Amino acid sequence: MALVSTGPGKGGGLLEKPVIEKVTPGRESEFDLKKSRKTAPPYRVMLHNDDYNKREYVVQVLMKVIPGMTVDNAVNIMQEAHYNGLSVVIICAQADAEDHCMQLRGNGLLSSIEPASGGC
């Protein structure tokens, strides 16, 4: 904004009317925003059988590390890993899968992650 003087003396100043530009997003930008919010591809957290940890301990760790894990689900996952050598613990976003995997490993279990796309 500029102050424009109309003449000498006191109070002779006049303010110019400010110009306000309205910027509204077009429909294209709304669609681009939706495209940018695509969900991350899912990942499987895998539990591998080992000869070191007791079954009860594996169940306890699964319940501690995985949110919402029930005793029944933890037992089923542990048994599948024990008999088949490998079991799917949870399918989730990659960042969460990496976190769960590291927590399982931090508690002495053998764990890995893999993309869940294909062969689900």
N, C-alpha and C. Protein backbone atom coordinates (compact mmCIF):
# COMPACT_ATOMS: atom_id res chain seq x y z
N MET A 1 0.83 -1.17 0.00
CA MET A 1 0.00 0.00 0.00
C MET A 1 0.88 1.23 0.00
N ALA A 2 0.39 2.25 -0.64
CA ALA A 2 1.15 3.49 -0.71
C ALA A 2 0.32 4.62 -0.14
N LEU A 3 1.01 5.57 0.43
CA LEU A 3 0.36 6.77 0.96
C LEU A 3 0.51 7.86 -0.08
N VAL A 4 -0.62 8.37 -0.53
CA VAL A 4 -0.60 9.42 -1.56
C VAL A 4 -1.01 10.72 -0.91
N SER A 5 -0.21 11.72 -1.10
CA SER A 5 -0.51 13.03 -0.52
C SER A 5 -1.23 13.87 -1.56
N THR A 6 -2.36 14.48 -1.14
CA THR A 6 -3.13 15.32 -2.08
C THR A 6 -2.79 16.79 -1.93
N GLY A 7 -1.98 17.12 -0.97
CA GLY A 7 -1.63 18.52 -0.81
C GLY A 7 -0.89 18.75 0.48
N PRO A 8 -0.42 19.97 0.66
CA PRO A 8 0.33 20.26 1.87
C PRO A 8 -0.62 20.39 3.06
N GLY A 9 -0.06 20.14 4.22
CA GLY A 9 -0.84 20.35 5.43
C GLY A 9 -1.11 19.05 6.16
N LYS A 10 -1.89 19.21 7.24
CA LYS A 10 -2.18 18.07 8.09
C LYS A 10 -3.37 17.28 7.56
N GLY A 11 -3.28 15.96 7.66
CA GLY A 11 -4.40 15.09 7.33
C GLY A 11 -4.79 15.09 5.89
N GLY A 12 -3.93 15.53 5.04
CA GLY A 12 -4.28 15.58 3.63
C GLY A 12 -3.98 14.29 2.90
N GLY A 13 -3.52 13.27 3.62
CA GLY A 13 -3.13 12.03 2.96
C GLY A 13 -4.32 11.16 2.61
N LEU A 14 -4.16 10.35 1.59
CA LEU A 14 -5.22 9.46 1.15
C LEU A 14 -4.61 8.10 0.87
N LEU A 15 -5.21 7.06 1.41
CA LEU A 15 -4.70 5.71 1.17
C LEU A 15 -5.35 5.15 -0.07
N GLU A 16 -4.53 4.46 -0.87
CA GLU A 16 -5.08 3.80 -2.05
C GLU A 16 -5.77 2.52 -1.61
N LYS A 17 -6.77 2.14 -2.33
CA LYS A 17 -7.49 0.91 -2.04
C LYS A 17 -6.59 -0.28 -2.41
N PRO A 18 -6.39 -1.20 -1.47
CA PRO A 18 -5.52 -2.35 -1.77
C PRO A 18 -6.18 -3.28 -2.79
N VAL A 19 -5.35 -3.90 -3.59
CA VAL A 19 -5.83 -4.86 -4.57
C VAL A 19 -5.63 -6.25 -3.99
N ILE A 20 -6.70 -7.00 -3.84
CA ILE A 20 -6.62 -8.35 -3.28
C ILE A 20 -6.91 -9.34 -4.40
N GLU A 21 -5.93 -10.22 -4.62
CA GLU A 21 -6.11 -11.25 -5.64
C GLU A 21 -6.59 -12.52 -4.96
N LYS A 22 -7.67 -13.05 -5.47
CA LYS A 22 -8.18 -14.31 -4.93
C LYS A 22 -7.54 -15.45 -5.71
N VAL A 23 -6.93 -16.35 -4.96
CA VAL A 23 -6.32 -17.51 -5.58
C VAL A 23 -7.10 -18.73 -5.11
N THR A 24 -7.77 -19.35 -6.02
CA THR A 24 -8.51 -20.56 -5.68
C THR A 24 -7.96 -21.71 -6.51
N PRO A 25 -7.81 -22.86 -5.89
CA PRO A 25 -7.26 -23.98 -6.65
C PRO A 25 -8.25 -24.45 -7.70
N GLY A 26 -7.73 -24.80 -8.85
CA GLY A 26 -8.57 -25.34 -9.91
C GLY A 26 -8.88 -26.81 -9.65
N ARG A 27 -9.74 -27.37 -10.42
CA ARG A 27 -10.11 -28.76 -10.22
C ARG A 27 -8.94 -29.69 -10.47
N GLU A 28 -8.06 -29.32 -11.36
CA GLU A 28 -6.91 -30.17 -11.65
C GLU A 28 -6.05 -30.35 -10.41
N SER A 29 -5.83 -29.29 -9.65
CA SER A 29 -4.97 -29.40 -8.47
C SER A 29 -5.62 -30.28 -7.41
N GLU A 30 -6.96 -30.27 -7.33
CA GLU A 30 -7.63 -31.15 -6.38
C GLU A 30 -7.39 -32.61 -6.74
N PHE A 31 -7.46 -32.93 -8.03
CA PHE A 31 -7.25 -34.30 -8.44
C PHE A 31 -5.79 -34.70 -8.25
N ASP A 32 -4.86 -33.80 -8.49
CA ASP A 32 -3.45 -34.09 -8.26
C ASP A 32 -3.20 -34.39 -6.79
N LEU A 33 -3.87 -33.66 -5.90
CA LEU A 33 -3.70 -33.89 -4.48
C LEU A 33 -4.15 -35.29 -4.12
N LYS A 34 -5.27 -35.73 -4.69
CA LYS A 34 -5.75 -37.07 -4.40
C LYS A 34 -4.77 -38.12 -4.92
N LYS A 35 -4.18 -37.88 -6.07
CA LYS A 35 -3.21 -38.82 -6.61
C LYS A 35 -1.99 -38.93 -5.71
N SER A 36 -1.59 -37.82 -5.12
CA SER A 36 -0.38 -37.83 -4.29
C SER A 36 -0.60 -38.52 -2.95
N ARG A 37 -1.86 -38.78 -2.60
CA ARG A 37 -2.16 -39.42 -1.32
C ARG A 37 -2.40 -40.92 -1.47
N LYS A 38 -1.84 -41.52 -2.48
CA LYS A 38 -2.01 -42.96 -2.67
C LYS A 38 -1.44 -43.69 -1.46
N THR A 39 -2.06 -44.81 -1.13
CA THR A 39 -1.57 -45.58 0.00
C THR A 39 -0.31 -46.33 -0.40
N ALA A 40 0.55 -46.51 0.56
CA ALA A 40 1.79 -47.24 0.33
C ALA A 40 1.47 -48.71 0.09
N PRO A 41 2.25 -49.39 -0.74
CA PRO A 41 1.99 -50.81 -0.97
C PRO A 41 2.20 -51.60 0.32
N PRO A 42 1.38 -52.63 0.54
CA PRO A 42 1.49 -53.39 1.78
C PRO A 42 2.70 -54.32 1.80
N TYR A 43 3.17 -54.60 3.00
CA TYR A 43 4.30 -55.51 3.21
C TYR A 43 3.90 -56.57 4.23
N ARG A 44 4.47 -57.76 4.08
CA ARG A 44 4.27 -58.84 5.04
C ARG A 44 5.43 -58.84 6.03
N VAL A 45 5.11 -58.98 7.30
CA VAL A 45 6.13 -59.22 8.32
C VAL A 45 6.15 -60.74 8.51
N MET A 46 7.31 -61.33 8.29
CA MET A 46 7.44 -62.78 8.35
C MET A 46 8.18 -63.20 9.62
N LEU A 47 7.72 -64.30 10.22
CA LEU A 47 8.39 -64.90 11.38
C LEU A 47 9.01 -66.20 10.92
N HIS A 48 10.32 -66.35 11.18
CA HIS A 48 11.04 -67.56 10.80
C HIS A 48 11.22 -68.44 12.03
N ASN A 49 11.14 -69.74 11.83
CA ASN A 49 11.36 -70.67 12.93
C ASN A 49 12.84 -70.64 13.34
N ASP A 50 13.08 -70.81 14.62
CA ASP A 50 14.46 -70.95 15.10
C ASP A 50 14.50 -72.05 16.14
N ASP A 51 15.70 -72.50 16.47
CA ASP A 51 15.87 -73.57 17.45
C ASP A 51 16.25 -73.03 18.82
N TYR A 52 16.11 -71.73 19.04
CA TYR A 52 16.59 -71.12 20.27
C TYR A 52 15.48 -70.69 21.22
N ASN A 53 14.43 -70.11 20.69
CA ASN A 53 13.39 -69.53 21.54
C ASN A 53 12.28 -70.53 21.84
N LYS A 54 11.81 -70.51 23.08
CA LYS A 54 10.70 -71.37 23.47
C LYS A 54 9.41 -70.82 22.86
N ARG A 55 8.47 -71.70 22.64
CA ARG A 55 7.20 -71.31 22.01
C ARG A 55 6.47 -70.25 22.82
N GLU A 56 6.47 -70.41 24.13
CA GLU A 56 5.77 -69.45 24.99
C GLU A 56 6.37 -68.05 24.86
N TYR A 57 7.70 -68.00 24.75
CA TYR A 57 8.38 -66.71 24.61
C TYR A 57 8.00 -66.04 23.28
N VAL A 58 7.93 -66.82 22.22
CA VAL A 58 7.57 -66.28 20.91
C VAL A 58 6.17 -65.67 20.97
N VAL A 59 5.24 -66.36 21.62
CA VAL A 59 3.87 -65.86 21.76
C VAL A 59 3.87 -64.55 22.55
N GLN A 60 4.64 -64.49 23.63
CA GLN A 60 4.71 -63.27 24.44
C GLN A 60 5.25 -62.09 23.63
N VAL A 61 6.30 -62.33 22.86
CA VAL A 61 6.91 -61.26 22.05
C VAL A 61 5.92 -60.78 20.99
N LEU A 62 5.26 -61.69 20.32
CA LEU A 62 4.28 -61.30 19.30
C LEU A 62 3.20 -60.41 19.90
N MET A 63 2.71 -60.77 21.08
CA MET A 63 1.66 -59.98 21.73
C MET A 63 2.18 -58.62 22.18
N LYS A 64 3.44 -58.55 22.54
CA LYS A 64 4.04 -57.29 23.00
C LYS A 64 4.31 -56.35 21.83
N VAL A 65 4.77 -56.88 20.72
CA VAL A 65 5.25 -56.07 19.60
C VAL A 65 4.14 -55.66 18.62
N ILE A 66 3.21 -56.56 18.35
CA ILE A 66 2.19 -56.32 17.32
C ILE A 66 0.92 -55.79 17.97
N PRO A 67 0.49 -54.59 17.60
CA PRO A 67 -0.73 -54.01 18.19
C PRO A 67 -1.96 -54.87 17.90
N GLY A 68 -2.75 -55.12 18.93
CA GLY A 68 -3.98 -55.87 18.77
C GLY A 68 -3.81 -57.37 18.64
N MET A 69 -2.60 -57.88 18.82
CA MET A 69 -2.35 -59.32 18.70
C MET A 69 -2.99 -60.05 19.88
N THR A 70 -3.80 -61.05 19.56
CA THR A 70 -4.43 -61.86 20.61
C THR A 70 -3.59 -63.09 20.89
N VAL A 71 -3.87 -63.74 22.01
CA VAL A 71 -3.15 -64.97 22.37
C VAL A 71 -3.38 -66.03 21.29
N ASP A 72 -4.63 -66.19 20.86
CA ASP A 72 -4.94 -67.21 19.86
C ASP A 72 -4.20 -66.96 18.54
N ASN A 73 -4.19 -65.72 18.08
CA ASN A 73 -3.47 -65.41 16.83
C ASN A 73 -1.97 -65.62 17.00
N ALA A 74 -1.43 -65.21 18.13
CA ALA A 74 0.01 -65.38 18.38
C ALA A 74 0.38 -66.86 18.40
N VAL A 75 -0.44 -67.69 19.03
CA VAL A 75 -0.18 -69.13 19.07
C VAL A 75 -0.23 -69.71 17.66
N ASN A 76 -1.24 -69.33 16.88
CA ASN A 76 -1.35 -69.84 15.50
C ASN A 76 -0.15 -69.44 14.65
N ILE A 77 0.29 -68.20 14.78
CA ILE A 77 1.46 -67.72 14.02
C ILE A 77 2.71 -68.48 14.44
N MET A 78 2.89 -68.64 15.75
CA MET A 78 4.05 -69.37 16.26
C MET A 78 4.05 -70.81 15.76
N GLN A 79 2.89 -71.48 15.81
CA GLN A 79 2.81 -72.88 15.38
C GLN A 79 3.08 -73.02 13.88
N GLU A 80 2.55 -72.11 13.09
CA GLU A 80 2.79 -72.16 11.65
C GLU A 80 4.28 -72.01 11.35
N ALA A 81 4.94 -71.07 12.03
CA ALA A 81 6.38 -70.89 11.83
C ALA A 81 7.14 -72.13 12.30
N HIS A 82 6.69 -72.72 13.40
CA HIS A 82 7.37 -73.90 13.95
C HIS A 82 7.28 -75.10 12.99
N TYR A 83 6.10 -75.33 12.45
CA TYR A 83 5.90 -76.51 11.60
C TYR A 83 6.28 -76.28 10.14
N ASN A 84 6.09 -75.06 9.63
CA ASN A 84 6.37 -74.79 8.22
C ASN A 84 7.66 -74.01 7.99
N GLY A 85 8.27 -73.54 9.07
CA GLY A 85 9.51 -72.79 8.96
C GLY A 85 9.31 -71.29 8.77
N LEU A 86 8.08 -70.87 8.46
CA LEU A 86 7.82 -69.47 8.14
C LEU A 86 6.34 -69.18 8.35
N SER A 87 6.04 -67.97 8.82
CA SER A 87 4.65 -67.58 9.03
C SER A 87 4.49 -66.09 8.81
N VAL A 88 3.32 -65.68 8.30
CA VAL A 88 3.00 -64.26 8.15
C VAL A 88 2.48 -63.75 9.49
N VAL A 89 3.13 -62.72 10.02
CA VAL A 89 2.72 -62.14 11.30
C VAL A 89 1.63 -61.10 11.07
N ILE A 90 1.87 -60.16 10.15
CA ILE A 90 0.94 -59.07 9.88
C ILE A 90 1.24 -58.51 8.50
N ILE A 91 0.23 -57.93 7.87
CA ILE A 91 0.41 -57.22 6.61
C ILE A 91 0.07 -55.76 6.88
N CYS A 92 1.02 -54.87 6.57
CA CYS A 92 0.84 -53.45 6.89
C CYS A 92 1.72 -52.60 5.98
N ALA A 93 1.71 -51.30 6.20
CA ALA A 93 2.54 -50.37 5.42
C ALA A 93 4.02 -50.68 5.66
N GLN A 94 4.85 -50.34 4.69
CA GLN A 94 6.27 -50.68 4.75
C GLN A 94 6.95 -50.14 6.01
N ALA A 95 6.68 -48.89 6.36
CA ALA A 95 7.33 -48.30 7.54
C ALA A 95 6.95 -49.06 8.80
N ASP A 96 5.68 -49.43 8.93
CA ASP A 96 5.24 -50.20 10.09
C ASP A 96 5.85 -51.60 10.07
N ALA A 97 5.90 -52.21 8.89
CA ALA A 97 6.49 -53.55 8.76
C ALA A 97 7.95 -53.54 9.18
N GLU A 98 8.69 -52.53 8.75
CA GLU A 98 10.10 -52.43 9.14
C GLU A 98 10.23 -52.28 10.65
N ASP A 99 9.36 -51.47 11.24
CA ASP A 99 9.39 -51.26 12.69
C ASP A 99 9.07 -52.56 13.43
N HIS A 100 8.02 -53.26 13.02
CA HIS A 100 7.65 -54.53 13.68
C HIS A 100 8.78 -55.55 13.54
N CYS A 101 9.36 -55.63 12.36
CA CYS A 101 10.46 -56.57 12.11
C CYS A 101 11.64 -56.28 13.04
N MET A 102 12.00 -55.02 13.16
CA MET A 102 13.13 -54.65 14.03
C MET A 102 12.82 -54.95 15.49
N GLN A 103 11.57 -54.74 15.90
CA GLN A 103 11.20 -55.03 17.28
C GLN A 103 11.24 -56.54 17.55
N LEU A 104 10.77 -57.33 16.59
CA LEU A 104 10.84 -58.79 16.75
C LEU A 104 12.30 -59.24 16.84
N ARG A 105 13.13 -58.71 15.97
CA ARG A 105 14.56 -59.04 16.00
C ARG A 105 15.21 -58.59 17.30
N GLY A 106 14.80 -57.42 17.78
CA GLY A 106 15.33 -56.89 19.03
C GLY A 106 14.99 -57.76 20.23
N ASN A 107 13.95 -58.57 20.09
CA ASN A 107 13.56 -59.50 21.14
C ASN A 107 14.06 -60.92 20.86
N GLY A 108 14.98 -61.05 19.91
CA GLY A 108 15.64 -62.33 19.67
C GLY A 108 14.95 -63.25 18.68
N LEU A 109 13.90 -62.79 18.00
CA LEU A 109 13.22 -63.63 17.02
C LEU A 109 13.79 -63.37 15.63
N LEU A 110 13.65 -64.34 14.75
CA LEU A 110 14.08 -64.19 13.36
C LEU A 110 12.90 -63.67 12.56
N SER A 111 13.08 -62.53 11.91
CA SER A 111 11.99 -61.90 11.18
C SER A 111 12.52 -61.22 9.93
N SER A 112 11.63 -61.10 8.94
CA SER A 112 11.96 -60.38 7.71
C SER A 112 10.68 -59.75 7.19
N ILE A 113 10.82 -58.90 6.17
CA ILE A 113 9.64 -58.33 5.51
C ILE A 113 9.75 -58.60 4.02
N GLU A 114 8.59 -58.61 3.36
CA GLU A 114 8.55 -58.78 1.91
C GLU A 114 7.30 -58.07 1.39
N PRO A 115 7.33 -57.62 0.14
CA PRO A 115 6.13 -56.99 -0.42
C PRO A 115 4.97 -57.98 -0.43
N ALA A 116 3.79 -57.49 -0.10
CA ALA A 116 2.61 -58.36 -0.06
C ALA A 116 1.94 -58.47 -1.41
N SER A 117 2.36 -57.67 -2.39
CA SER A 117 1.74 -57.73 -3.71
C SER A 117 2.14 -59.03 -4.40
N GLY A 118 1.17 -59.64 -5.02
CA GLY A 118 1.42 -60.89 -5.73
C GLY A 118 1.44 -62.07 -4.79
N GLY A 119 0.62 -63.04 -5.06
CA GLY A 119 0.59 -64.26 -4.27
C GLY A 119 0.03 -64.11 -2.89
N CYS A 120 -0.84 -63.13 -2.67
CA CYS A 120 -1.42 -62.92 -1.35
C CYS A 120 -2.29 -64.08 -0.95
